[in-house]
Each structure stands twice: as structure tokens, then as C-alpha cells.
PDB file of N, CA and C in Angstrom:
ATOM      1  N   MET A   1       0.230   0.845   8.387  1.00  0.00           N
ATOM      2  CA  MET A   1       0.402   0.903   6.973  1.00  0.00           C
ATOM      3  C   MET A   1       0.481   2.366   6.553  1.00  0.00           C
ATOM      4  N   VAL A   2       1.345   2.617   5.580  1.00  0.00           N
ATOM      5  CA  VAL A   2       1.509   3.948   5.001  1.00  0.00           C
ATOM      6  C   VAL A   2       1.389   3.801   3.487  1.00  0.00           C
ATOM      7  N   MET A   3       0.560   4.628   2.864  1.00  0.00           N
ATOM      8  CA  MET A   3       0.444   4.637   1.400  1.00  0.00           C
ATOM      9  C   MET A   3       0.743   6.036   0.906  1.00  0.00           C
ATOM     10  N   GLY A   4       1.400   6.122  -0.260  1.00  0.00           N
ATOM     11  CA  GLY A   4       1.612   7.450  -0.789  1.00  0.00           C
ATOM     12  C   GLY A   4       2.560   7.517  -1.957  1.00  0.00           C
ATOM     13  N   ASP A   5       2.888   8.746  -2.306  1.00  0.00           N
ATOM     14  CA  ASP A   5       3.803   9.071  -3.389  1.00  0.00           C
ATOM     15  C   ASP A   5       5.190   9.249  -2.781  1.00  0.00           C
ATOM     16  N   PHE A   6       6.050   8.273  -2.998  1.00  0.00           N
ATOM     17  CA  PHE A   6       7.390   8.321  -2.426  1.00  0.00           C
ATOM     18  C   PHE A   6       8.405   8.913  -3.400  1.00  0.00           C
ATOM     19  N   ASN A   7       8.004   9.099  -4.669  1.00  0.00           N
ATOM     20  CA  ASN A   7       8.879   9.651  -5.704  1.00  0.00           C
ATOM     21  C   ASN A   7      10.189   8.884  -5.859  1.00  0.00           C
ATOM     22  N   ILE A   8      10.188   7.628  -5.489  1.00  0.00           N
ATOM     23  CA  ILE A   8      11.354   6.759  -5.663  1.00  0.00           C
ATOM     24  C   ILE A   8      10.863   5.443  -6.237  1.00  0.00           C
ATOM     25  N   ASP A   9      11.403   5.062  -7.379  1.00  0.00           N
ATOM     26  CA  ASP A   9      11.113   3.758  -7.965  1.00  0.00           C
ATOM     27  C   ASP A   9      12.114   2.776  -7.356  1.00  0.00           C
ATOM     28  N   ILE A  10      11.625   1.883  -6.532  1.00  0.00           N
ATOM     29  CA  ILE A  10      12.491   0.965  -5.784  1.00  0.00           C
ATOM     30  C   ILE A  10      13.365   0.118  -6.705  1.00  0.00           C
ATOM     31  N   GLU A  11      12.868  -0.209  -7.886  1.00  0.00           N
ATOM     32  CA  GLU A  11      13.616  -1.070  -8.795  1.00  0.00           C
ATOM     33  C   GLU A  11      14.568  -0.307  -9.714  1.00  0.00           C
ATOM     34  N   ARG A  12      14.438   1.026  -9.793  1.00  0.00           N
ATOM     35  CA  ARG A  12      15.230   1.772 -10.773  1.00  0.00           C
ATOM     36  C   ARG A  12      16.087   2.900 -10.210  1.00  0.00           C
ATOM     37  N   ASP A  13      15.879   3.297  -8.968  1.00  0.00           N
ATOM     38  CA  ASP A  13      16.509   4.518  -8.484  1.00  0.00           C
ATOM     39  C   ASP A  13      17.752   4.304  -7.620  1.00  0.00           C
ATOM     40  N   GLY A  14      18.431   3.179  -7.777  1.00  0.00           N
ATOM     41  CA  GLY A  14      19.748   2.962  -7.197  1.00  0.00           C
ATOM     42  C   GLY A  14      19.920   3.362  -5.749  1.00  0.00           C
ATOM     43  N   ASP A  15      20.817   4.342  -5.512  1.00  0.00           N
ATOM     44  CA  ASP A  15      21.169   4.750  -4.148  1.00  0.00           C
ATOM     45  C   ASP A  15      19.975   5.284  -3.364  1.00  0.00           C
ATOM     46  N   LYS A  16      19.119   6.089  -4.012  1.00  0.00           N
ATOM     47  CA  LYS A  16      17.931   6.608  -3.316  1.00  0.00           C
ATOM     48  C   LYS A  16      17.034   5.458  -2.877  1.00  0.00           C
ATOM     49  N   ALA A  17      16.861   4.475  -3.746  1.00  0.00           N
ATOM     50  CA  ALA A  17      16.029   3.317  -3.403  1.00  0.00           C
ATOM     51  C   ALA A  17      16.666   2.519  -2.272  1.00  0.00           C
ATOM     52  N   ASP A  18      17.976   2.348  -2.319  1.00  0.00           N
ATOM     53  CA  ASP A  18      18.670   1.610  -1.254  1.00  0.00           C
ATOM     54  C   ASP A  18      18.484   2.284   0.099  1.00  0.00           C
ATOM     55  N   LYS A  19      18.580   3.620   0.132  1.00  0.00           N
ATOM     56  CA  LYS A  19      18.400   4.358   1.389  1.00  0.00           C
ATOM     57  C   LYS A  19      16.969   4.197   1.905  1.00  0.00           C
ATOM     58  N   LEU A  20      15.987   4.273   0.999  1.00  0.00           N
ATOM     59  CA  LEU A  20      14.599   4.101   1.414  1.00  0.00           C
ATOM     60  C   LEU A  20      14.370   2.680   1.931  1.00  0.00           C
ATOM     61  N   LEU A  21      14.908   1.688   1.250  1.00  0.00           N
ATOM     62  CA  LEU A  21      14.752   0.295   1.694  1.00  0.00           C
ATOM     63  C   LEU A  21      15.416   0.063   3.048  1.00  0.00           C
ATOM     64  N   GLU A  22      16.576   0.685   3.292  1.00  0.00           N
ATOM     65  CA  GLU A  22      17.240   0.572   4.602  1.00  0.00           C
ATOM     66  C   GLU A  22      16.368   1.197   5.688  1.00  0.00           C
ATOM     67  N   TRP A  23      15.783   2.367   5.397  1.00  0.00           N
ATOM     68  CA  TRP A  23      14.897   3.022   6.355  1.00  0.00           C
ATOM     69  C   TRP A  23      13.687   2.150   6.650  1.00  0.00           C
ATOM     70  N   MET A  24      13.083   1.559   5.596  1.00  0.00           N
ATOM     71  CA  MET A  24      11.941   0.659   5.790  1.00  0.00           C
ATOM     72  C   MET A  24      12.335  -0.507   6.688  1.00  0.00           C
ATOM     73  N   ASP A  25      13.483  -1.092   6.398  1.00  0.00           N
ATOM     74  CA  ASP A  25      13.944  -2.248   7.166  1.00  0.00           C
ATOM     75  C   ASP A  25      14.151  -1.888   8.636  1.00  0.00           C
ATOM     76  N   SER A  26      14.647  -0.680   8.910  1.00  0.00           N
ATOM     77  CA  SER A  26      14.871  -0.258  10.298  1.00  0.00           C
ATOM     78  C   SER A  26      13.559  -0.135  11.064  1.00  0.00           C
ATOM     79  N   GLY A  27      12.452   0.069  10.357  1.00  0.00           N
ATOM     80  CA  GLY A  27      11.139   0.161  10.985  1.00  0.00           C
ATOM     81  C   GLY A  27      10.297  -1.089  10.796  1.00  0.00           C
ATOM     82  N   SER A  28      10.929  -2.175  10.353  1.00  0.00           N
ATOM     83  CA  SER A  28      10.231  -3.446  10.088  1.00  0.00           C
ATOM     84  C   SER A  28       9.092  -3.280   9.090  1.00  0.00           C
ATOM     85  N   LEU A  29       9.293  -2.410   8.119  1.00  0.00           N
ATOM     86  CA  LEU A  29       8.299  -2.183   7.076  1.00  0.00           C
ATOM     87  C   LEU A  29       8.710  -2.907   5.802  1.00  0.00           C
ATOM     88  N   ARG A  30       7.714  -3.290   5.026  1.00  0.00           N
ATOM     89  CA  ARG A  30       8.009  -3.891   3.722  1.00  0.00           C
ATOM     90  C   ARG A  30       7.199  -3.160   2.664  1.00  0.00           C
ATOM     91  N   PRO A  31       7.781  -2.978   1.473  1.00  0.00           N
ATOM     92  CA  PRO A  31       7.024  -2.304   0.424  1.00  0.00           C
ATOM     93  C   PRO A  31       5.997  -3.246  -0.199  1.00  0.00           C
ATOM     94  N   VAL A  32       4.836  -2.694  -0.534  1.00  0.00           N
ATOM     95  CA  VAL A  32       3.806  -3.420  -1.280  1.00  0.00           C
ATOM     96  C   VAL A  32       3.637  -2.644  -2.579  1.00  0.00           C
ATOM     97  N   ILE A  33       4.099  -3.258  -3.661  1.00  0.00           N
ATOM     98  CA  ILE A  33       4.190  -2.582  -4.949  1.00  0.00           C
ATOM     99  C   ILE A  33       2.957  -2.910  -5.800  1.00  0.00           C
ATOM    100  N   PRO A  34       2.366  -1.905  -6.453  1.00  0.00           N
ATOM    101  CA  PRO A  34       1.214  -2.181  -7.318  1.00  0.00           C
ATOM    102  C   PRO A  34       1.600  -2.962  -8.574  1.00  0.00           C
ATOM    103  N   ASP A  35       0.580  -3.375  -9.310  1.00  0.00           N
ATOM    104  CA  ASP A  35       0.776  -4.252 -10.459  1.00  0.00           C
ATOM    105  C   ASP A  35       1.230  -3.541 -11.734  1.00  0.00           C
ATOM    106  N   SER A  36       1.219  -2.217 -11.772  1.00  0.00           N
ATOM    107  CA  SER A  36       1.686  -1.493 -12.957  1.00  0.00           C
ATOM    108  C   SER A  36       2.194  -0.116 -12.549  1.00  0.00           C
ATOM    109  N   ASN A  37       2.761   0.622 -13.527  1.00  0.00           N
ATOM    110  CA  ASN A  37       3.315   1.939 -13.208  1.00  0.00           C
ATOM    111  C   ASN A  37       2.241   2.849 -12.615  1.00  0.00           C
ATOM    112  N   THR A  38       2.683   3.787 -11.795  1.00  0.00           N
ATOM    113  CA  THR A  38       1.753   4.691 -11.118  1.00  0.00           C
ATOM    114  C   THR A  38       1.843   6.124 -11.625  1.00  0.00           C
ATOM    115  N   SER A  39       2.905   6.451 -12.334  1.00  0.00           N
ATOM    116  CA  SER A  39       3.063   7.793 -12.879  1.00  0.00           C
ATOM    117  C   SER A  39       2.590   7.806 -14.327  1.00  0.00           C
ATOM    118  N   LEU A  40       1.740   8.770 -14.654  1.00  0.00           N
ATOM    119  CA  LEU A  40       1.279   8.899 -16.036  1.00  0.00           C
ATOM    120  C   LEU A  40       2.295   9.626 -16.906  1.00  0.00           C
ATOM    121  N   ARG A  41       3.250  10.314 -16.287  1.00  0.00           N
ATOM    122  CA  ARG A  41       4.265  11.044 -17.050  1.00  0.00           C
ATOM    123  C   ARG A  41       5.491  10.190 -17.353  1.00  0.00           C
ATOM    124  N   SER A  42       5.651   9.077 -16.660  1.00  0.00           N
ATOM    125  CA  SER A  42       6.789   8.196 -16.904  1.00  0.00           C
ATOM    126  C   SER A  42       6.345   6.760 -16.635  1.00  0.00           C
ATOM    127  N   ASN A  43       7.125   5.831 -17.056  1.00  0.00           N
ATOM    128  CA  ASN A  43       6.803   4.419 -16.851  1.00  0.00           C
ATOM    129  C   ASN A  43       7.455   3.940 -15.555  1.00  0.00           C
ATOM    130  N   ARG A  44       7.092   4.604 -14.455  1.00  0.00           N
ATOM    131  CA  ARG A  44       7.733   4.312 -13.166  1.00  0.00           C
ATOM    132  C   ARG A  44       6.685   4.008 -12.107  1.00  0.00           C
ATOM    133  N   ILE A  45       7.100   3.244 -11.112  1.00  0.00           N
ATOM    134  CA  ILE A  45       6.247   2.951  -9.944  1.00  0.00           C
ATOM    135  C   ILE A  45       6.812   3.741  -8.772  1.00  0.00           C
ATOM    136  N   ILE A  46       6.182   4.881  -8.487  1.00  0.00           N
ATOM    137  CA  ILE A  46       6.670   5.750  -7.413  1.00  0.00           C
ATOM    138  C   ILE A  46       5.651   5.907  -6.287  1.00  0.00           C
ATOM    139  N   ASP A  47       4.493   5.282  -6.436  1.00  0.00           N
ATOM    140  CA  ASP A  47       3.459   5.282  -5.400  1.00  0.00           C
ATOM    141  C   ASP A  47       3.266   3.836  -4.954  1.00  0.00           C
ATOM    142  N   TYR A  48       3.280   3.602  -3.652  1.00  0.00           N
ATOM    143  CA  TYR A  48       3.114   2.253  -3.124  1.00  0.00           C
ATOM    144  C   TYR A  48       2.775   2.339  -1.649  1.00  0.00           C
ATOM    145  N   ALA A  49       2.688   1.194  -1.018  1.00  0.00           N
ATOM    146  CA  ALA A  49       2.362   1.137   0.408  1.00  0.00           C
ATOM    147  C   ALA A  49       3.525   0.517   1.167  1.00  0.00           C
ATOM    148  N   LEU A  50       3.602   0.837   2.434  1.00  0.00           N
ATOM    149  CA  LEU A  50       4.555   0.216   3.362  1.00  0.00           C
ATOM    150  C   LEU A  50       3.721  -0.418   4.462  1.00  0.00           C
ATOM    151  N   SER A  51       4.036  -1.659   4.811  1.00  0.00           N
ATOM    152  CA  SER A  51       3.237  -2.319   5.845  1.00  0.00           C
ATOM    153  C   SER A  51       4.102  -3.227   6.697  1.00  0.00           C
ATOM    154  N   THR A  52       3.529  -3.640   7.816  1.00  0.00           N
ATOM    155  CA  THR A  52       4.170  -4.622   8.696  1.00  0.00           C
ATOM    156  C   THR A  52       3.206  -5.780   8.877  1.00  0.00           C
ATOM    157  N   ASN A  53       3.568  -6.927   8.349  1.00  0.00           N
ATOM    158  CA  ASN A  53       2.799  -8.165   8.536  1.00  0.00           C
ATOM    159  C   ASN A  53       1.310  -8.026   8.229  1.00  0.00           C
ATOM    160  N   ILE A  54       0.958  -7.226   7.238  1.00  0.00           N
ATOM    161  CA  ILE A  54      -0.422  -7.105   6.789  1.00  0.00           C
ATOM    162  C   ILE A  54      -0.483  -7.725   5.400  1.00  0.00           C
ATOM    163  N   ASP A  55      -1.404  -8.658   5.209  1.00  0.00           N
ATOM    164  CA  ASP A  55      -1.558  -9.279   3.900  1.00  0.00           C
ATOM    165  C   ASP A  55      -2.337  -8.307   3.018  1.00  0.00           C
ATOM    166  N   LEU A  56      -1.627  -7.644   2.129  1.00  0.00           N
ATOM    167  CA  LEU A  56      -2.177  -6.554   1.341  1.00  0.00           C
ATOM    168  C   LEU A  56      -1.738  -6.711  -0.106  1.00  0.00           C
ATOM    169  N   SER A  57      -2.638  -6.468  -1.026  1.00  0.00           N
ATOM    170  CA  SER A  57      -2.252  -6.401  -2.435  1.00  0.00           C
ATOM    171  C   SER A  57      -2.618  -5.019  -2.959  1.00  0.00           C
ATOM    172  N   MET A  58      -1.817  -4.518  -3.877  1.00  0.00           N
ATOM    173  CA  MET A  58      -2.010  -3.184  -4.424  1.00  0.00           C
ATOM    174  C   MET A  58      -2.299  -3.277  -5.921  1.00  0.00           C
ATOM    175  N   GLN A  59      -3.214  -2.449  -6.361  1.00  0.00           N
ATOM    176  CA  GLN A  59      -3.533  -2.329  -7.779  1.00  0.00           C
ATOM    177  C   GLN A  59      -3.607  -0.845  -8.119  1.00  0.00           C
ATOM    178  N   THR A  60      -3.476  -0.543  -9.393  1.00  0.00           N
ATOM    179  CA  THR A  60      -3.668   0.835  -9.824  1.00  0.00           C
ATOM    180  C   THR A  60      -5.028   0.963 -10.494  1.00  0.00           C
ATOM    181  N   TYR A  61      -5.657   2.109 -10.278  1.00  0.00           N
ATOM    182  CA  TYR A  61      -6.935   2.409 -10.926  1.00  0.00           C
ATOM    183  C   TYR A  61      -6.619   2.963 -12.307  1.00  0.00           C
ATOM    184  N   GLU A  62      -7.181   2.355 -13.334  1.00  0.00           N
ATOM    185  CA  GLU A  62      -6.867   2.739 -14.707  1.00  0.00           C
ATOM    186  C   GLU A  62      -7.875   3.721 -15.297  1.00  0.00           C
ATOM    187  N   GLY A  63      -8.823   4.195 -14.504  1.00  0.00           N
ATOM    188  CA  GLY A  63      -9.825   5.134 -14.998  1.00  0.00           C
ATOM    189  C   GLY A  63      -9.269   6.545 -15.133  1.00  0.00           C
ATOM    190  N   ILE A  64     -10.108   7.445 -15.589  1.00  0.00           N
ATOM    191  CA  ILE A  64      -9.712   8.832 -15.810  1.00  0.00           C
ATOM    192  C   ILE A  64      -9.814   9.616 -14.499  1.00  0.00           C
ATOM    193  N   THR A  65      -8.741  10.331 -14.160  1.00  0.00           N
ATOM    194  CA  THR A  65      -8.725  11.205 -12.988  1.00  0.00           C
ATOM    195  C   THR A  65      -8.068  12.526 -13.376  1.00  0.00           C
ATOM    196  N   SER A  66      -8.017  13.461 -12.458  1.00  0.00           N
ATOM    197  CA  SER A  66      -7.374  14.749 -12.733  1.00  0.00           C
ATOM    198  C   SER A  66      -5.905  14.761 -12.298  1.00  0.00           C
ATOM    199  N   SER A  67      -5.400  13.653 -11.790  1.00  0.00           N
ATOM    200  CA  SER A  67      -4.036  13.575 -11.288  1.00  0.00           C
ATOM    201  C   SER A  67      -3.073  13.053 -12.350  1.00  0.00           C
ATOM    202  N   ASP A  68      -1.788  13.352 -12.181  1.00  0.00           N
ATOM    203  CA  ASP A  68      -0.777  12.761 -13.057  1.00  0.00           C
ATOM    204  C   ASP A  68      -0.255  11.447 -12.484  1.00  0.00           C
ATOM    205  N   HIS A  69      -0.918  10.949 -11.432  1.00  0.00           N
ATOM    206  CA  HIS A  69      -0.623   9.644 -10.846  1.00  0.00           C
ATOM    207  C   HIS A  69      -1.887   8.790 -10.897  1.00  0.00           C
ATOM    208  N   LYS A  70      -1.709   7.491 -11.072  1.00  0.00           N
ATOM    209  CA  LYS A  70      -2.849   6.577 -11.002  1.00  0.00           C
ATOM    210  C   LYS A  70      -3.170   6.333  -9.534  1.00  0.00           C
ATOM    211  N   PRO A  71      -4.432   6.436  -9.139  1.00  0.00           N
ATOM    212  CA  PRO A  71      -4.795   6.126  -7.749  1.00  0.00           C
ATOM    213  C   PRO A  71      -4.487   4.663  -7.416  1.00  0.00           C
ATOM    214  N   LEU A  72      -4.145   4.425  -6.149  1.00  0.00           N
ATOM    215  CA  LEU A  72      -3.871   3.072  -5.670  1.00  0.00           C
ATOM    216  C   LEU A  72      -5.104   2.482  -5.014  1.00  0.00           C
ATOM    217  N   LEU A  73      -5.312   1.213  -5.251  1.00  0.00           N
ATOM    218  CA  LEU A  73      -6.381   0.464  -4.593  1.00  0.00           C
ATOM    219  C   LEU A  73      -5.714  -0.634  -3.771  1.00  0.00           C
ATOM    220  N   GLY A  74      -5.937  -0.622  -2.479  1.00  0.00           N
ATOM    221  CA  GLY A  74      -5.375  -1.639  -1.597  1.00  0.00           C
ATOM    222  C   GLY A  74      -6.446  -2.615  -1.168  1.00  0.00           C
ATOM    223  N   VAL A  75      -6.112  -3.897  -1.185  1.00  0.00           N
ATOM    224  CA  VAL A  75      -7.052  -4.938  -0.788  1.00  0.00           C
ATOM    225  C   VAL A  75      -6.428  -5.749   0.343  1.00  0.00           C
ATOM    226  N   PHE A  76      -7.110  -5.772   1.492  1.00  0.00           N
ATOM    227  CA  PHE A  76      -6.660  -6.567   2.631  1.00  0.00           C
ATOM    228  C   PHE A  76      -7.237  -7.972   2.513  1.00  0.00           C
ATOM    229  N   THR A  77      -6.437  -8.965   2.828  1.00  0.00           N
ATOM    230  CA  THR A  77      -6.899 -10.348   2.840  1.00  0.00           C
ATOM    231  C   THR A  77      -6.955 -10.811   4.285  1.00  0.00           C
ATOM    232  N   VAL A  78      -8.128 -11.270   4.712  1.00  0.00           N
ATOM    233  CA  VAL A  78      -8.307 -11.733   6.081  1.00  0.00           C
ATOM    234  C   VAL A  78      -8.549 -13.231   6.044  1.00  0.00           C
ATOM    235  N   GLU A  79      -7.689 -13.989   6.704  1.00  0.00           N
ATOM    236  CA  GLU A  79      -7.801 -15.445   6.724  1.00  0.00           C
ATOM    237  C   GLU A  79      -8.368 -15.973   8.033  1.00  0.00           C
ATOM    238  N   ASP A  80      -8.455 -15.121   9.031  1.00  0.00           N
ATOM    239  CA  ASP A  80      -8.872 -15.539  10.367  1.00  0.00           C
ATOM    240  C   ASP A  80     -10.395 -15.711  10.422  1.00  0.00           C
ATOM    241  N   ASP A  81     -10.884 -16.891  10.830  1.00  0.00           N
ATOM    242  CA  ASP A  81     -12.324 -17.154  10.914  1.00  0.00           C
ATOM    243  C   ASP A  81     -13.039 -16.173  11.842  1.00  0.00           C
ATOM    244  N   LEU A  82     -12.374 -15.753  12.911  1.00  0.00           N
ATOM    245  CA  LEU A  82     -13.010 -14.825  13.849  1.00  0.00           C
ATOM    246  C   LEU A  82     -13.313 -13.497  13.181  1.00  0.00           C
ATOM    247  N   ASN A  83     -12.410 -13.026  12.334  1.00  0.00           N
ATOM    248  CA  ASN A  83     -12.634 -11.748  11.652  1.00  0.00           C
ATOM    249  C   ASN A  83     -13.792 -11.829  10.671  1.00  0.00           C
ATOM    250  N   ARG A  84     -14.005 -12.976  10.044  1.00  0.00           N
ATOM    251  CA  ARG A  84     -15.090 -13.109   9.083  1.00  0.00           C
ATOM    252  C   ARG A  84     -16.444 -13.198   9.770  1.00  0.00           C
ATOM    253  N   GLU A  85     -16.482 -13.721  10.997  1.00  0.00           N
ATOM    254  CA  GLU A  85     -17.746 -13.875  11.703  1.00  0.00           C
ATOM    255  C   GLU A  85     -18.238 -12.565  12.298  1.00  0.00           C
ATOM    256  N   GLY A  86     -17.359 -11.641  12.557  1.00  0.00           N
ATOM    257  CA  GLY A  86     -17.760 -10.380  13.173  1.00  0.00           C
ATOM    258  C   GLY A  86     -17.823 -10.515  14.688  1.00  0.00           C
ATOM    259  N   THR A  87     -18.422  -9.535  15.323  1.00  0.00           N
ATOM    260  CA  THR A  87     -18.540  -9.554  16.775  1.00  0.00           C
ATOM    261  C   THR A  87     -19.995  -9.373  17.163  1.00  0.00           C
ATOM    262  N   ARG A  88     -20.290  -9.705  18.374  1.00  0.00           N
ATOM    263  CA  ARG A  88     -21.644  -9.559  18.901  1.00  0.00           C
ATOM    264  C   ARG A  88     -21.663  -8.340  19.813  1.00  0.00           C
ATOM    265  N   THR A  89     -22.534  -7.392  19.515  1.00  0.00           N
ATOM    266  CA  THR A  89     -22.658  -6.184  20.325  1.00  0.00           C
ATOM    267  C   THR A  89     -23.815  -6.344  21.291  1.00  0.00           C
ATOM    268  N   ILE A  90     -23.563  -6.065  22.560  1.00  0.00           N
ATOM    269  CA  ILE A  90     -24.618  -6.090  23.580  1.00  0.00           C
ATOM    270  C   ILE A  90     -25.035  -4.644  23.792  1.00  0.00           C
ATOM    271  N   TRP A  91     -26.150  -4.255  23.167  1.00  0.00           N
ATOM    272  CA  TRP A  91     -26.562  -2.862  23.138  1.00  0.00           C
ATOM    273  C   TRP A  91     -26.958  -2.329  24.503  1.00  0.00           C
ATOM    274  N   SER A  92     -27.392  -3.157  25.426  1.00  0.00           N
ATOM    275  CA  SER A  92     -27.804  -2.650  26.741  1.00  0.00           C
ATOM    276  C   SER A  92     -26.637  -1.996  27.476  1.00  0.00           C
ATOM    277  N   VAL A  93     -25.434  -2.371  27.152  1.00  0.00           N
ATOM    278  CA  VAL A  93     -24.262  -1.767  27.776  1.00  0.00           C
ATOM    279  C   VAL A  93     -24.172  -0.290  27.414  1.00  0.00           C
ATOM    280  N   PHE A  94     -24.689   0.089  26.241  1.00  0.00           N
ATOM    281  CA  PHE A  94     -24.571   1.457  25.751  1.00  0.00           C
ATOM    282  C   PHE A  94     -25.778   2.332  26.091  1.00  0.00           C
ATOM    283  N   SER A  95     -26.773   1.797  26.800  1.00  0.00           N
ATOM    284  CA  SER A  95     -27.952   2.626  27.100  1.00  0.00           C
ATOM    285  C   SER A  95     -28.023   3.016  28.550  1.00  0.00           C
TER     286      SER A  95
END
């Protein structure tokens, strides 16, 4: 997974967005777009995540920060029972 400021609004930036989407597709990546704009200077979504087969949702933090971008909050969803149970550590192996 990659998160960051891509400076390209996938829904509004035409050719630049198409080139970025083609690049993502070549790497089997998919964009995960937050629920609202990420730039405080414009009504654009230019910060998002790229992932491969990870169940992820993105939100923007609406609190006060020193940045001109809203911070992103990513939430992973785990459906596998094994992941929820955790693992058993045998500590004698480490002593």
C-alpha cells in the first residue's frame, strides 16, 4: 500500500489522471479515495492510497492541523477468523 499526496484529482484531471490510472493498472494497484476533499486550498481530492487486494477505507481528518492538506485516516478491515484470534507465542524459543 502507498499513501500520499499525488497532486492529481483522479475524477477531474483528465489526461494526467488517465496516465496515473494506467500506471496503477500496470502495477495491479487500485486507488482508495477518501470520503471528502483533501486540499484545504481547493475542493479537490489529491491525497489517497493505492493498494492491491487490501480491504481499506479512507477518511479525512477534519480537525485543525498546520498543513494545507487534510490528514488521511486509513482503516483496514480483517474478515479472516485467524487474524482476529491472534497467534500463540512460545517464549521458551526466545530464551
